[in-house]
């Protein structure tokens, strides 16, 4: 952990979910290994984790803590309206923890609040000029 961050809380309910995720990942790996005809993503996959039940400071500190455990530097795109994240690849599988700042969540919520008021027309946009 970094010197400025909070300890990573262990919540009993999270231990059960954690166990299920780890068991599921191992079962998937075993399945894929014993069934070579089953396709896998050519470029791998990313395992995304988003801190929850945490304010901005706590969430960013959690990213810092995980970055230290992963032995990587966190990527800070917050100054340009982005996220704060840390990731590490294990072969073609990447673990990534992402802090989405509260202001970004509020902005997305505001944008999506108009979604139900926007209706696309039913025109055929294939270039033949006919209405569908």
N, C-alpha and C. Protein backbone atom coordinates (compact mmCIF):
# COMPACT_ATOMS: atom_id res chain seq x y z
N UNK A 1 0.84 -1.19 0.00
CA UNK A 1 0.00 0.00 0.00
C UNK A 1 0.88 1.24 0.00
N UNK A 2 0.35 2.31 -0.54
CA UNK A 2 1.08 3.57 -0.52
C UNK A 2 0.88 4.24 0.82
N UNK A 3 1.79 5.14 1.16
CA UNK A 3 1.78 5.76 2.48
C UNK A 3 0.56 6.64 2.70
N UNK A 4 -0.01 7.21 1.66
CA UNK A 4 -1.11 8.15 1.82
C UNK A 4 -2.49 7.51 1.72
N UNK A 5 -2.56 6.26 1.45
CA UNK A 5 -3.86 5.66 1.15
C UNK A 5 -4.48 4.97 2.35
N UNK A 6 -5.70 4.55 2.13
CA UNK A 6 -6.48 3.88 3.14
C UNK A 6 -6.23 2.38 3.05
N UNK A 7 -6.40 1.65 4.14
CA UNK A 7 -6.27 0.20 4.01
C UNK A 7 -7.41 -0.34 3.14
N UNK A 8 -7.11 -1.37 2.39
CA UNK A 8 -8.14 -1.99 1.55
C UNK A 8 -9.08 -2.76 2.47
N UNK A 9 -10.35 -2.34 2.55
CA UNK A 9 -11.28 -3.02 3.45
C UNK A 9 -11.65 -4.42 2.94
N UNK A 10 -11.76 -5.35 3.86
CA UNK A 10 -12.22 -6.69 3.52
C UNK A 10 -13.63 -6.83 4.09
N UNK A 11 -14.59 -6.97 3.19
CA UNK A 11 -15.99 -7.06 3.58
C UNK A 11 -16.40 -8.53 3.46
N UNK A 12 -16.99 -9.12 4.53
CA UNK A 12 -17.32 -10.55 4.48
C UNK A 12 -18.09 -10.98 3.24
N UNK A 13 -19.06 -10.21 2.80
CA UNK A 13 -19.80 -10.55 1.58
C UNK A 13 -18.91 -10.55 0.36
N UNK A 14 -17.91 -9.66 0.36
CA UNK A 14 -16.98 -9.60 -0.76
C UNK A 14 -16.10 -10.85 -0.81
N UNK A 15 -15.82 -11.46 0.35
CA UNK A 15 -15.00 -12.66 0.37
C UNK A 15 -15.68 -13.79 -0.39
N UNK A 16 -16.99 -13.90 -0.25
CA UNK A 16 -17.74 -14.94 -0.97
C UNK A 16 -17.72 -14.66 -2.47
N UNK A 17 -17.97 -13.40 -2.84
CA UNK A 17 -17.93 -13.03 -4.26
C UNK A 17 -16.54 -13.25 -4.82
N UNK A 18 -15.51 -12.87 -4.06
CA UNK A 18 -14.14 -13.05 -4.49
C UNK A 18 -13.84 -14.54 -4.74
N UNK A 19 -14.26 -15.38 -3.81
CA UNK A 19 -14.06 -16.82 -3.95
C UNK A 19 -14.76 -17.33 -5.21
N UNK A 20 -15.97 -16.88 -5.45
CA UNK A 20 -16.71 -17.32 -6.63
C UNK A 20 -16.02 -16.88 -7.92
N UNK A 21 -15.50 -15.66 -7.95
CA UNK A 21 -14.81 -15.17 -9.14
C UNK A 21 -13.55 -15.99 -9.40
N UNK A 22 -12.75 -16.19 -8.36
CA UNK A 22 -11.51 -16.96 -8.52
C UNK A 22 -11.81 -18.39 -8.95
N UNK A 23 -12.79 -19.01 -8.32
CA UNK A 23 -13.18 -20.38 -8.69
C UNK A 23 -13.67 -20.42 -10.13
N UNK A 24 -14.45 -19.43 -10.53
CA UNK A 24 -14.95 -19.37 -11.90
C UNK A 24 -13.83 -19.19 -12.92
N UNK A 25 -12.87 -18.34 -12.61
CA UNK A 25 -11.74 -18.15 -13.52
C UNK A 25 -10.93 -19.44 -13.69
N UNK A 26 -10.71 -20.13 -12.59
CA UNK A 26 -9.97 -21.40 -12.67
C UNK A 26 -10.76 -22.44 -13.47
N UNK A 27 -12.07 -22.49 -13.24
CA UNK A 27 -12.91 -23.45 -13.98
C UNK A 27 -12.91 -23.12 -15.47
N UNK A 28 -12.98 -21.83 -15.80
CA UNK A 28 -12.93 -21.44 -17.21
C UNK A 28 -11.60 -21.83 -17.83
N UNK A 29 -10.50 -21.56 -17.13
CA UNK A 29 -9.17 -21.93 -17.65
C UNK A 29 -9.08 -23.44 -17.87
N UNK A 30 -9.56 -24.21 -16.91
CA UNK A 30 -9.54 -25.68 -17.06
C UNK A 30 -10.38 -26.11 -18.26
N UNK A 31 -11.56 -25.52 -18.39
CA UNK A 31 -12.45 -25.86 -19.51
C UNK A 31 -11.78 -25.55 -20.84
N UNK A 32 -11.19 -24.35 -20.96
CA UNK A 32 -10.54 -23.97 -22.21
C UNK A 32 -9.34 -24.87 -22.52
N UNK A 33 -8.63 -25.24 -21.48
CA UNK A 33 -7.46 -26.10 -21.68
C UNK A 33 -7.87 -27.50 -22.16
N UNK A 34 -8.95 -28.02 -21.63
CA UNK A 34 -9.38 -29.38 -22.02
C UNK A 34 -10.25 -29.40 -23.27
N UNK A 35 -10.62 -28.23 -23.77
CA UNK A 35 -11.44 -28.14 -24.99
C UNK A 35 -10.79 -27.18 -25.98
N UNK A 36 -9.71 -27.60 -26.61
CA UNK A 36 -8.96 -26.71 -27.50
C UNK A 36 -9.74 -26.23 -28.73
N UNK A 37 -10.86 -26.86 -29.04
CA UNK A 37 -11.65 -26.42 -30.19
C UNK A 37 -12.52 -25.20 -29.86
N UNK A 38 -12.67 -24.91 -28.59
CA UNK A 38 -13.47 -23.75 -28.18
C UNK A 38 -12.64 -22.48 -28.42
N UNK A 39 -13.18 -21.54 -29.21
CA UNK A 39 -12.40 -20.33 -29.50
C UNK A 39 -12.24 -19.42 -28.27
N UNK A 40 -11.16 -18.66 -28.29
CA UNK A 40 -10.90 -17.66 -27.25
C UNK A 40 -10.63 -16.33 -27.95
N UNK A 41 -10.75 -15.21 -27.24
CA UNK A 41 -10.45 -13.92 -27.88
C UNK A 41 -8.98 -13.88 -28.32
N UNK A 42 -8.76 -13.57 -29.57
CA UNK A 42 -7.40 -13.59 -30.13
C UNK A 42 -6.45 -12.66 -29.37
N UNK A 43 -6.96 -11.53 -28.94
CA UNK A 43 -6.10 -10.54 -28.28
C UNK A 43 -6.28 -10.56 -26.76
N UNK A 44 -6.91 -11.59 -26.24
CA UNK A 44 -7.07 -11.69 -24.80
C UNK A 44 -8.33 -11.01 -24.31
N UNK A 45 -8.30 -10.68 -23.05
CA UNK A 45 -9.48 -10.09 -22.41
C UNK A 45 -9.02 -9.21 -21.26
N UNK A 46 -9.85 -8.25 -20.90
CA UNK A 46 -9.56 -7.37 -19.77
C UNK A 46 -10.56 -7.63 -18.67
N UNK A 47 -10.05 -7.80 -17.48
CA UNK A 47 -10.85 -8.02 -16.27
C UNK A 47 -10.92 -6.67 -15.57
N UNK A 48 -12.05 -5.97 -15.74
CA UNK A 48 -12.22 -4.63 -15.18
C UNK A 48 -12.86 -4.67 -13.80
N UNK A 49 -12.33 -3.85 -12.90
CA UNK A 49 -12.87 -3.72 -11.55
C UNK A 49 -13.08 -2.23 -11.28
N UNK A 50 -14.25 -1.89 -10.74
CA UNK A 50 -14.59 -0.51 -10.43
C UNK A 50 -14.88 -0.41 -8.93
N UNK A 51 -14.10 0.40 -8.20
CA UNK A 51 -14.38 0.55 -6.76
C UNK A 51 -15.82 1.00 -6.55
N UNK A 52 -16.45 0.50 -5.50
CA UNK A 52 -17.84 0.86 -5.22
C UNK A 52 -17.98 1.26 -3.76
N UNK A 53 -19.07 1.89 -3.45
CA UNK A 53 -19.35 2.32 -2.08
C UNK A 53 -18.19 3.11 -1.51
N UNK A 54 -17.67 4.04 -2.32
CA UNK A 54 -16.46 4.75 -1.95
C UNK A 54 -16.51 6.14 -2.59
N UNK A 55 -16.08 7.18 -1.87
CA UNK A 55 -16.04 8.51 -2.48
C UNK A 55 -14.80 8.62 -3.38
N UNK A 56 -14.64 9.78 -4.02
CA UNK A 56 -13.54 9.96 -4.97
C UNK A 56 -12.17 9.71 -4.34
N UNK A 57 -11.94 10.26 -3.15
CA UNK A 57 -10.63 10.10 -2.50
C UNK A 57 -10.34 8.64 -2.19
N UNK A 58 -11.31 7.95 -1.65
CA UNK A 58 -11.15 6.54 -1.30
C UNK A 58 -10.95 5.70 -2.55
N UNK A 59 -11.71 5.97 -3.59
CA UNK A 59 -11.63 5.20 -4.82
C UNK A 59 -10.26 5.38 -5.49
N UNK A 60 -9.78 6.63 -5.54
CA UNK A 60 -8.45 6.89 -6.13
C UNK A 60 -7.36 6.23 -5.28
N UNK A 61 -7.52 6.27 -3.96
CA UNK A 61 -6.54 5.62 -3.08
C UNK A 61 -6.52 4.12 -3.29
N UNK A 62 -7.68 3.54 -3.55
CA UNK A 62 -7.74 2.10 -3.82
C UNK A 62 -6.98 1.77 -5.11
N UNK A 63 -7.13 2.62 -6.12
CA UNK A 63 -6.38 2.43 -7.36
C UNK A 63 -4.88 2.50 -7.06
N UNK A 64 -4.47 3.46 -6.23
CA UNK A 64 -3.06 3.57 -5.85
C UNK A 64 -2.57 2.30 -5.15
N UNK A 65 -3.38 1.80 -4.22
CA UNK A 65 -3.01 0.59 -3.48
C UNK A 65 -2.84 -0.61 -4.42
N UNK A 66 -3.79 -0.78 -5.33
CA UNK A 66 -3.73 -1.90 -6.25
C UNK A 66 -2.56 -1.72 -7.23
N UNK A 67 -2.32 -0.49 -7.67
CA UNK A 67 -1.17 -0.22 -8.54
C UNK A 67 0.12 -0.65 -7.87
N UNK A 68 0.25 -0.35 -6.58
CA UNK A 68 1.45 -0.76 -5.83
C UNK A 68 1.56 -2.28 -5.78
N UNK A 69 0.44 -2.96 -5.55
CA UNK A 69 0.46 -4.42 -5.52
C UNK A 69 0.80 -5.01 -6.89
N UNK A 70 0.31 -4.36 -7.94
CA UNK A 70 0.59 -4.79 -9.31
C UNK A 70 1.99 -4.38 -9.76
N UNK A 71 2.61 -3.48 -8.99
CA UNK A 71 3.94 -2.94 -9.32
C UNK A 71 3.91 -2.17 -10.64
N UNK A 72 2.88 -1.30 -10.77
CA UNK A 72 2.73 -0.45 -11.95
C UNK A 72 2.40 0.96 -11.49
N UNK A 73 2.55 1.91 -12.40
CA UNK A 73 2.14 3.29 -12.15
C UNK A 73 0.68 3.45 -12.57
N UNK A 74 -0.07 4.21 -11.80
CA UNK A 74 -1.45 4.50 -12.17
C UNK A 74 -1.46 5.48 -13.33
N UNK A 75 -2.45 5.35 -14.21
CA UNK A 75 -2.65 6.28 -15.32
C UNK A 75 -3.69 7.29 -14.91
N UNK A 76 -3.34 8.57 -14.96
CA UNK A 76 -4.24 9.63 -14.51
C UNK A 76 -4.70 10.47 -15.68
N UNK A 77 -5.90 10.18 -16.16
CA UNK A 77 -6.49 10.97 -17.24
C UNK A 77 -7.56 11.93 -16.72
N UNK A 78 -7.62 12.10 -15.39
CA UNK A 78 -8.63 12.99 -14.81
C UNK A 78 -8.47 14.44 -15.27
N UNK A 79 -7.23 14.96 -15.44
CA UNK A 79 -7.12 16.36 -15.88
C UNK A 79 -7.76 16.63 -17.24
N UNK A 80 -7.93 15.60 -18.06
CA UNK A 80 -8.56 15.80 -19.37
C UNK A 80 -9.96 15.19 -19.41
N UNK A 81 -10.55 15.01 -18.21
CA UNK A 81 -11.92 14.51 -18.12
C UNK A 81 -12.04 13.00 -18.14
N UNK A 82 -10.93 12.30 -17.95
CA UNK A 82 -10.96 10.85 -18.00
C UNK A 82 -10.98 10.20 -16.64
N UNK A 83 -10.46 9.00 -16.59
CA UNK A 83 -10.48 8.18 -15.38
C UNK A 83 -9.09 8.06 -14.77
N UNK A 84 -9.04 7.40 -13.63
CA UNK A 84 -7.79 7.11 -12.94
C UNK A 84 -7.74 5.59 -12.83
N UNK A 85 -6.71 4.97 -13.38
CA UNK A 85 -6.70 3.51 -13.45
C UNK A 85 -5.30 2.95 -13.31
N UNK A 86 -5.26 1.67 -13.05
CA UNK A 86 -4.01 0.92 -13.02
C UNK A 86 -4.29 -0.44 -13.64
N UNK A 87 -3.34 -0.92 -14.43
CA UNK A 87 -3.55 -2.21 -15.06
C UNK A 87 -2.23 -2.96 -15.22
N UNK A 88 -2.37 -4.25 -15.32
CA UNK A 88 -1.21 -5.11 -15.56
C UNK A 88 -1.69 -6.31 -16.36
N UNK A 89 -0.89 -6.68 -17.34
CA UNK A 89 -1.22 -7.84 -18.17
C UNK A 89 -0.53 -9.07 -17.63
N UNK A 90 -1.28 -10.16 -17.64
CA UNK A 90 -0.80 -11.48 -17.29
C UNK A 90 -0.98 -12.31 -18.56
N UNK A 91 0.04 -12.32 -19.39
CA UNK A 91 -0.12 -12.92 -20.70
C UNK A 91 -1.08 -12.05 -21.50
N UNK A 92 -2.12 -12.64 -22.02
CA UNK A 92 -3.10 -11.88 -22.79
C UNK A 92 -4.32 -11.48 -21.96
N UNK A 93 -4.23 -11.68 -20.67
CA UNK A 93 -5.31 -11.27 -19.78
C UNK A 93 -4.83 -10.06 -18.99
N UNK A 94 -5.63 -9.01 -18.97
CA UNK A 94 -5.27 -7.79 -18.26
C UNK A 94 -6.22 -7.57 -17.10
N UNK A 95 -5.64 -7.27 -15.94
CA UNK A 95 -6.42 -6.85 -14.77
C UNK A 95 -6.36 -5.33 -14.75
N UNK A 96 -7.51 -4.68 -14.64
CA UNK A 96 -7.55 -3.21 -14.61
C UNK A 96 -8.53 -2.75 -13.55
N UNK A 97 -8.07 -1.84 -12.70
CA UNK A 97 -8.95 -1.21 -11.73
C UNK A 97 -9.12 0.24 -12.17
N UNK A 98 -10.36 0.71 -12.18
CA UNK A 98 -10.68 2.02 -12.74
C UNK A 98 -11.51 2.83 -11.76
N UNK A 99 -11.00 4.03 -11.46
CA UNK A 99 -11.77 5.00 -10.67
C UNK A 99 -12.41 5.98 -11.65
N UNK A 100 -13.72 6.05 -11.63
CA UNK A 100 -14.44 7.02 -12.45
C UNK A 100 -14.84 8.16 -11.52
N UNK A 101 -14.26 9.36 -11.73
CA UNK A 101 -14.58 10.48 -10.84
C UNK A 101 -16.07 10.78 -10.79
N UNK A 102 -16.53 11.21 -9.64
CA UNK A 102 -17.95 11.49 -9.45
C UNK A 102 -18.46 12.50 -10.48
N UNK A 103 -17.65 13.49 -10.83
CA UNK A 103 -18.10 14.49 -11.81
C UNK A 103 -18.37 13.84 -13.16
N UNK A 104 -17.59 12.82 -13.52
CA UNK A 104 -17.82 12.10 -14.78
C UNK A 104 -19.14 11.33 -14.73
N UNK A 105 -19.40 10.71 -13.57
CA UNK A 105 -20.67 9.98 -13.42
C UNK A 105 -21.87 10.93 -13.52
N UNK A 106 -21.75 12.09 -12.86
CA UNK A 106 -22.85 13.07 -12.91
C UNK A 106 -23.06 13.57 -14.33
N UNK A 107 -21.97 13.81 -15.07
CA UNK A 107 -22.08 14.28 -16.45
C UNK A 107 -22.76 13.22 -17.32
N UNK A 108 -22.38 11.97 -17.16
CA UNK A 108 -23.01 10.90 -17.94
C UNK A 108 -24.48 10.77 -17.58
N UNK A 109 -24.80 10.85 -16.29
CA UNK A 109 -26.20 10.80 -15.87
C UNK A 109 -27.00 11.92 -16.52
N UNK A 110 -26.42 13.12 -16.57
CA UNK A 110 -27.10 14.26 -17.19
C UNK A 110 -27.32 14.01 -18.68
N UNK A 111 -26.29 13.50 -19.35
CA UNK A 111 -26.43 13.22 -20.79
C UNK A 111 -27.49 12.16 -21.04
N UNK A 112 -27.48 11.12 -20.22
CA UNK A 112 -28.43 10.03 -20.42
C UNK A 112 -29.85 10.42 -20.02
N UNK A 113 -30.00 11.47 -19.23
CA UNK A 113 -31.35 11.87 -18.81
C UNK A 113 -32.19 12.34 -20.00
N UNK A 114 -31.53 12.73 -21.08
CA UNK A 114 -32.24 13.15 -22.29
C UNK A 114 -32.52 11.99 -23.23
N UNK A 115 -31.96 10.85 -22.94
CA UNK A 115 -32.03 9.72 -23.86
C UNK A 115 -33.47 9.33 -24.24
N UNK A 116 -34.36 9.33 -23.27
CA UNK A 116 -35.74 8.92 -23.56
C UNK A 116 -36.48 9.95 -24.41
N UNK A 117 -35.94 11.15 -24.53
CA UNK A 117 -36.61 12.19 -25.32
C UNK A 117 -36.13 12.24 -26.76
N UNK A 118 -35.15 11.45 -27.10
CA UNK A 118 -34.61 11.46 -28.46
C UNK A 118 -35.10 10.21 -29.19
N UNK A 119 -35.72 10.44 -30.31
CA UNK A 119 -36.23 9.35 -31.14
C UNK A 119 -35.60 9.46 -32.51
N UNK A 120 -35.02 8.38 -32.98
CA UNK A 120 -34.47 8.36 -34.33
C UNK A 120 -35.59 8.18 -35.33
N UNK A 121 -35.40 8.77 -36.51
CA UNK A 121 -36.42 8.59 -37.53
C UNK A 121 -36.32 7.18 -38.10
N UNK A 122 -37.31 6.79 -38.86
CA UNK A 122 -37.36 5.44 -39.43
C UNK A 122 -36.91 5.43 -40.88
N UNK A 123 -36.06 6.36 -41.27
CA UNK A 123 -35.62 6.43 -42.67
C UNK A 123 -34.57 5.37 -42.94
N UNK A 124 -34.59 4.93 -44.17
CA UNK A 124 -33.58 3.99 -44.67
C UNK A 124 -32.34 4.80 -45.02
N UNK A 125 -31.24 4.55 -44.33
CA UNK A 125 -30.02 5.32 -44.55
C UNK A 125 -29.02 4.56 -45.42
N UNK A 126 -29.51 3.66 -46.25
CA UNK A 126 -28.63 2.87 -47.11
C UNK A 126 -28.21 3.64 -48.36
N UNK A 127 -28.80 4.81 -48.57
CA UNK A 127 -28.42 5.61 -49.72
C UNK A 127 -29.38 5.50 -50.88
N UNK A 128 -30.44 4.69 -50.74
CA UNK A 128 -31.36 4.54 -51.87
C UNK A 128 -32.50 5.54 -51.82
N UNK A 129 -32.54 6.39 -50.77
CA UNK A 129 -33.52 7.45 -50.69
C UNK A 129 -34.92 7.04 -50.34
N UNK A 130 -35.15 5.77 -50.09
CA UNK A 130 -36.50 5.33 -49.74
C UNK A 130 -36.68 5.33 -48.24
N UNK A 131 -37.89 5.57 -47.81
CA UNK A 131 -38.23 5.51 -46.39
C UNK A 131 -38.60 4.07 -46.06
N UNK A 132 -38.05 3.58 -44.96
CA UNK A 132 -38.31 2.18 -44.58
C UNK A 132 -39.72 1.99 -44.11
